[in-house]
Amino acid sequence: MGRFRRGVLGVSVAVAMVLSVSFVASAASGPRGVVNVLYAGSLSNFMTNHLIPAFTRATGIRVVGVSNGSSALASAIKGQTQVGDVFLSAAASADRALQGTANGNWVTTYTNFASSPLVLAYNPQSPFADALRTRPWYEVVTRKGFLLGRTDPATDPKGVLAVDALRVAATRYHLAQLAQLARTRAGVFDETALVGELEAGQLDAGFFYQVEASAANLPTRPLTGTHLAGHYTVAVLNHAPHLAAARAFRHYLLSPAGRNLLRAFDLTPATPPSP
């Protein structure tokens, strides 16, 4: 009986080794090379520290990533000043700006893959921090001396949502000061600079997606009275110089492994991912 068990164990180990070798061989025969991924600045931490390393480990494909405001990236793609294989946007409007003959036919289809709510993140050292923790956000941001940051609506969809949040709250709570904040250019920064300005104490608070506020360990307040969020999309660009690698990246992002990463870092996967 013992000899029989040892025989079965030996066969099992041999089978496991064959399966392991087969898996490695399969992975090794997959796409190799490089893929250029252009992505919304709000995904910078998630991409750099989590998704890109995981994708490269799984496929052996090296990722060259560029982050910026989604609308700014769309303009760069259209103007051919930025070469990309995959485009990750925080709003479908940036994808639509690349569709059709007049826009260069850079995007045929795109897929919604995740969302993250718009929130107000604040500096815990701000003199207004206690008020932000205990009072309605729309009341505190209008106080004298309060420095509120957001991105530019012309280059970043989050800037559009920030203006929407101020305008909606201005109407709902009858606060003309909020409408004035929506019109001013004060406190407008590039998406890649806004977190740093807040952390450095140059702002008391700013509009962010939850995914980027969590990555920077910034305390947040929900924007009561609104239901705004960034809805992230992925598109394999037409004329992509590394098409096979681009498709592999999209496949990994939408796979169970990719969706588990999204959940782990304050992104809500679309169910199911949808065009």
Protein backbone atom coordinates (compact mmCIF):
# COMPACT_ATOMS: atom_id res chain seq x y z
CA MET A 1 0.00 0.00 0.00
CA GLY A 2 2.83 2.38 0.92
CA ARG A 3 4.59 1.54 -2.35
CA PHE A 4 1.36 2.27 -4.23
CA ARG A 5 0.96 5.69 -2.53
CA ARG A 6 4.55 6.59 -3.34
CA GLY A 7 3.91 5.63 -6.96
CA VAL A 8 0.78 7.79 -7.15
CA LEU A 9 2.63 10.66 -5.46
CA GLY A 10 5.44 10.39 -7.98
CA VAL A 11 3.01 10.48 -10.89
CA SER A 12 1.20 13.48 -9.36
CA VAL A 13 4.45 15.39 -8.96
CA ALA A 14 5.45 14.55 -12.53
CA VAL A 15 2.09 15.74 -13.85
CA ALA A 16 2.35 18.96 -11.82
CA MET A 17 5.83 19.58 -13.21
CA VAL A 18 4.61 19.02 -16.76
CA LEU A 19 1.69 21.40 -16.21
CA SER A 20 4.02 23.98 -14.67
CA VAL A 21 6.43 23.72 -17.58
CA SER A 22 3.53 23.95 -20.02
CA PHE A 23 2.24 27.10 -18.29
CA VAL A 24 5.65 28.74 -18.39
CA ALA A 25 6.09 27.78 -22.02
CA SER A 26 2.67 29.17 -22.82
CA ALA A 27 3.50 32.44 -21.05
CA ALA A 28 6.83 32.61 -22.81
CA SER A 29 5.15 32.21 -26.19
CA GLY A 30 2.80 35.11 -25.51
CA PRO A 31 3.23 38.68 -26.77
CA ARG A 32 6.57 40.30 -26.02
CA GLY A 33 8.02 43.76 -26.54
CA VAL A 34 6.61 47.12 -25.48
CA VAL A 35 3.25 48.88 -25.29
CA ASN A 36 2.69 52.63 -25.03
CA VAL A 37 -0.16 53.41 -22.63
CA LEU A 38 -1.55 56.94 -22.32
CA TYR A 39 -3.63 57.29 -19.17
CA ALA A 40 -5.57 59.81 -17.10
CA GLY A 41 -3.43 61.49 -14.46
CA SER A 42 -5.81 60.38 -11.71
CA LEU A 43 -4.66 56.80 -12.41
CA SER A 44 -0.95 57.59 -12.03
CA ASN A 45 -0.35 55.86 -8.70
CA PHE A 46 -2.52 52.88 -9.59
CA MET A 47 -0.82 52.42 -12.95
CA THR A 48 2.78 53.00 -11.85
CA ASN A 49 2.73 50.98 -8.65
CA HIS A 50 0.13 48.30 -9.30
CA LEU A 51 -1.32 47.62 -12.76
CA ILE A 52 1.80 48.11 -14.88
CA PRO A 53 4.06 45.90 -12.72
CA ALA A 54 1.39 43.19 -12.52
CA PHE A 55 0.83 43.24 -16.29
CA THR A 56 4.55 43.05 -17.04
CA ARG A 57 5.01 40.14 -14.64
CA ALA A 58 2.15 38.28 -16.27
CA THR A 59 3.09 38.91 -19.91
CA GLY A 60 6.70 40.02 -20.13
CA ILE A 61 5.58 43.14 -22.02
CA ARG A 62 7.24 46.39 -20.97
CA VAL A 63 4.93 49.38 -20.55
CA VAL A 64 5.88 52.93 -21.46
CA GLY A 65 3.30 55.07 -19.68
CA VAL A 66 2.38 58.74 -20.08
CA SER A 67 -0.13 60.47 -17.80
CA ASN A 68 -1.99 63.75 -18.23
CA GLY A 69 -5.50 65.10 -18.30
CA SER A 70 -7.70 62.93 -20.50
CA SER A 71 -8.71 65.77 -22.82
CA ALA A 72 -5.11 66.94 -23.11
CA LEU A 73 -4.04 63.41 -24.07
CA ALA A 74 -6.82 63.21 -26.67
CA SER A 75 -5.58 66.47 -28.20
CA ALA A 76 -2.01 65.15 -28.25
CA ILE A 77 -3.13 61.93 -29.97
CA LYS A 78 -5.13 63.86 -32.54
CA GLY A 79 -2.25 66.26 -33.15
CA GLN A 80 0.17 63.32 -33.41
CA THR A 81 2.45 64.84 -30.77
CA GLN A 82 2.00 61.76 -28.59
CA VAL A 83 2.30 58.19 -29.87
CA GLY A 84 0.17 55.62 -28.09
CA ASP A 85 -1.15 52.09 -28.36
CA VAL A 86 -3.74 52.21 -25.55
CA PHE A 87 -5.73 55.15 -24.19
CA LEU A 88 -7.20 55.09 -20.67
CA SER A 89 -9.52 58.05 -20.18
CA ALA A 90 -11.53 59.30 -17.21
CA ALA A 91 -14.48 60.19 -19.46
CA ALA A 92 -15.95 58.86 -22.69
CA SER A 93 -16.00 62.41 -24.07
CA ALA A 94 -12.23 62.14 -24.60
CA ASP A 95 -12.73 58.96 -26.65
CA ARG A 96 -15.49 60.54 -28.71
CA ALA A 97 -13.12 63.41 -29.52
CA LEU A 98 -10.96 60.84 -31.34
CA GLN A 99 -13.75 59.17 -33.32
CA GLY A 100 -14.71 59.83 -36.92
CA THR A 101 -12.84 61.00 -39.99
CA ALA A 102 -12.69 64.61 -38.85
CA ASN A 103 -10.91 63.49 -35.67
CA GLY A 104 -8.42 61.18 -37.37
CA ASN A 105 -10.29 57.90 -36.71
CA TRP A 106 -8.02 57.17 -33.74
CA VAL A 107 -10.76 55.40 -31.76
CA THR A 108 -13.37 53.04 -33.16
CA THR A 109 -14.66 51.53 -29.93
CA TYR A 110 -13.96 52.01 -26.23
CA THR A 111 -14.95 50.10 -23.11
CA ASN A 112 -16.04 51.40 -19.73
CA PHE A 113 -14.00 49.45 -17.19
CA ALA A 114 -14.26 51.26 -13.82
CA SER A 115 -15.50 54.30 -11.92
CA SER A 116 -14.45 56.39 -8.95
CA PRO A 117 -16.57 59.06 -7.20
CA LEU A 118 -15.61 62.72 -7.19
CA VAL A 119 -14.81 63.84 -3.64
CA LEU A 120 -13.37 66.81 -1.81
CA ALA A 121 -9.92 65.94 -0.45
CA TYR A 122 -8.33 68.25 2.09
CA ASN A 123 -5.03 68.91 3.81
CA PRO A 124 -5.33 67.68 7.43
CA GLN A 125 -3.05 70.58 8.50
CA SER A 126 -5.34 73.19 6.96
CA PRO A 127 -6.85 75.70 9.42
CA PHE A 128 -10.20 74.68 7.91
CA ALA A 129 -9.69 70.93 8.49
CA ASP A 130 -11.92 70.73 11.58
CA ALA A 131 -14.69 72.60 9.81
CA LEU A 132 -14.44 70.28 6.81
CA ARG A 133 -14.78 67.27 9.10
CA THR A 134 -17.91 68.61 10.80
CA ARG A 135 -19.66 71.07 8.50
CA PRO A 136 -21.16 70.76 4.98
CA TRP A 137 -18.43 71.08 2.35
CA TYR A 138 -20.30 73.71 0.34
CA GLU A 139 -20.44 75.99 3.37
CA VAL A 140 -16.76 75.68 4.30
CA VAL A 141 -15.24 76.23 0.83
CA THR A 142 -16.88 79.67 0.63
CA ARG A 143 -15.25 80.95 3.83
CA LYS A 144 -12.84 83.87 3.64
CA GLY A 145 -9.28 82.74 2.96
CA PHE A 146 -10.21 79.22 1.85
CA LEU A 147 -8.01 78.00 -1.02
CA LEU A 148 -9.86 75.53 -3.26
CA GLY A 149 -8.16 73.65 -6.10
CA ARG A 150 -9.38 71.92 -9.24
CA THR A 151 -8.19 71.01 -12.70
CA ASP A 152 -8.84 72.84 -15.94
CA PRO A 153 -12.09 71.81 -17.67
CA ALA A 154 -10.40 72.44 -21.01
CA THR A 155 -7.83 69.68 -20.46
CA ASP A 156 -9.33 67.34 -17.87
CA PRO A 157 -12.86 65.89 -17.45
CA LYS A 158 -12.44 66.06 -13.66
CA GLY A 159 -12.28 69.85 -14.03
CA VAL A 160 -15.65 69.70 -15.78
CA LEU A 161 -17.11 67.65 -12.92
CA ALA A 162 -15.68 70.07 -10.33
CA VAL A 163 -17.43 72.98 -12.04
CA ASP A 164 -20.62 70.91 -12.20
CA ALA A 165 -20.39 70.17 -8.46
CA LEU A 166 -20.04 73.86 -7.62
CA ARG A 167 -22.89 74.90 -9.90
CA VAL A 168 -25.26 72.19 -8.68
CA ALA A 169 -24.56 73.03 -5.04
CA ALA A 170 -24.91 76.77 -5.77
CA THR A 171 -28.42 76.20 -7.10
CA ARG A 172 -29.48 73.64 -4.51
CA TYR A 173 -28.25 75.57 -1.47
CA HIS A 174 -28.73 79.09 -2.83
CA LEU A 175 -25.06 80.04 -2.45
CA ALA A 176 -23.99 82.54 -5.08
CA GLN A 177 -20.38 82.26 -3.83
CA LEU A 178 -20.20 78.72 -5.21
CA ALA A 179 -21.23 79.90 -8.66
CA GLN A 180 -18.48 82.50 -8.46
CA LEU A 181 -15.94 79.81 -7.55
CA ALA A 182 -17.04 77.86 -10.62
CA ARG A 183 -16.25 80.85 -12.83
CA THR A 184 -12.88 81.85 -11.38
CA ARG A 185 -9.53 80.67 -12.69
CA ALA A 186 -7.95 80.86 -9.23
CA GLY A 187 -6.86 77.47 -7.90
CA VAL A 188 -6.76 75.79 -11.34
CA PHE A 189 -3.81 73.40 -11.81
CA ASP A 190 -2.67 70.63 -14.13
CA GLU A 191 -4.00 67.25 -13.06
CA THR A 192 -0.51 65.92 -12.35
CA ALA A 193 0.28 68.92 -10.08
CA LEU A 194 -2.88 69.19 -8.00
CA VAL A 195 -2.03 66.54 -5.38
CA GLY A 196 1.37 68.11 -4.79
CA GLU A 197 -0.12 71.58 -4.32
CA LEU A 198 -2.51 70.24 -1.71
CA GLU A 199 0.14 68.24 0.12
CA ALA A 200 2.46 71.25 0.16
CA GLY A 201 -0.17 73.37 1.90
CA GLN A 202 -0.77 75.65 -1.08
CA LEU A 203 -4.44 74.61 -1.01
CA ASP A 204 -6.88 73.80 1.76
CA ALA A 205 -8.86 71.33 -0.35
CA GLY A 206 -9.41 70.23 -3.91
CA PHE A 207 -11.63 68.11 -6.12
CA PHE A 208 -10.27 64.61 -6.72
CA TYR A 209 -11.43 61.14 -7.62
CA GLN A 210 -11.44 58.81 -4.63
CA VAL A 211 -8.83 56.56 -6.26
CA GLU A 212 -6.19 59.31 -6.31
CA ALA A 213 -7.08 60.74 -2.90
CA SER A 214 -6.73 57.28 -1.34
CA ALA A 215 -3.39 56.73 -3.08
CA ALA A 216 -2.08 59.98 -1.56
CA ASN A 217 -3.57 59.18 1.89
CA LEU A 218 -5.63 62.37 1.80
CA PRO A 219 -8.74 62.65 3.99
CA THR A 220 -11.92 63.25 2.01
CA ARG A 221 -15.47 64.46 2.31
CA PRO A 222 -18.30 63.27 0.06
CA LEU A 223 -19.84 65.94 -2.15
CA THR A 224 -23.30 65.78 -0.63
CA GLY A 225 -25.91 67.05 -3.01
CA THR A 226 -24.14 65.59 -6.05
CA HIS A 227 -23.55 62.15 -7.54
CA LEU A 228 -20.55 62.77 -9.75
CA ALA A 229 -17.87 60.26 -10.69
CA GLY A 230 -15.11 59.56 -13.15
CA HIS A 231 -16.02 56.74 -15.53
CA TYR A 232 -12.83 55.22 -16.89
CA THR A 233 -12.58 53.83 -20.40
CA VAL A 234 -9.99 51.83 -22.34
CA ALA A 235 -9.44 51.98 -26.08
CA VAL A 236 -6.91 50.31 -28.33
CA LEU A 237 -5.92 53.12 -30.66
CA ASN A 238 -6.15 52.69 -34.40
CA HIS A 239 -2.73 52.91 -36.04
CA ALA A 240 -1.24 51.47 -32.82
CA PRO A 241 2.40 50.58 -33.56
CA HIS A 242 2.28 47.63 -31.12
CA LEU A 243 -1.16 46.20 -31.78
CA ALA A 244 -0.69 42.71 -30.29
CA ALA A 245 0.75 44.14 -27.08
CA ALA A 246 -2.05 46.72 -26.94
CA ARG A 247 -4.69 43.99 -27.16
CA ALA A 248 -2.86 42.01 -24.47
CA PHE A 249 -2.92 45.04 -22.16
CA ARG A 250 -6.64 45.60 -22.69
CA HIS A 251 -7.31 41.90 -22.13
CA TYR A 252 -5.38 41.92 -18.85
CA LEU A 253 -7.13 45.07 -17.60
CA LEU A 254 -10.56 43.51 -18.19
CA SER A 255 -9.56 40.06 -16.87
CA PRO A 256 -10.36 38.80 -13.35
CA ALA A 257 -6.79 39.64 -12.31
CA GLY A 258 -7.14 43.21 -13.56
CA ARG A 259 -10.58 43.65 -12.00
CA ASN A 260 -9.28 42.40 -8.65
CA LEU A 261 -6.60 45.08 -8.77
CA LEU A 262 -9.23 47.71 -9.51
CA ARG A 263 -11.25 46.70 -6.46
CA ALA A 264 -8.18 46.69 -4.23
CA PHE A 265 -7.39 50.33 -4.99
CA ASP A 266 -10.71 52.17 -4.74
CA LEU A 267 -11.89 51.65 -8.30
CA THR A 268 -15.27 50.05 -8.91
CA PRO A 269 -15.15 47.70 -11.91
CA ALA A 270 -17.91 48.14 -14.47
CA THR A 271 -20.27 45.15 -14.37
CA PRO A 272 -19.90 43.99 -17.03
CA PRO A 273 -17.36 46.13 -18.89
CA SER A 274 -19.41 47.83 -21.60
CA PRO A 275 -18.76 49.62 -24.91
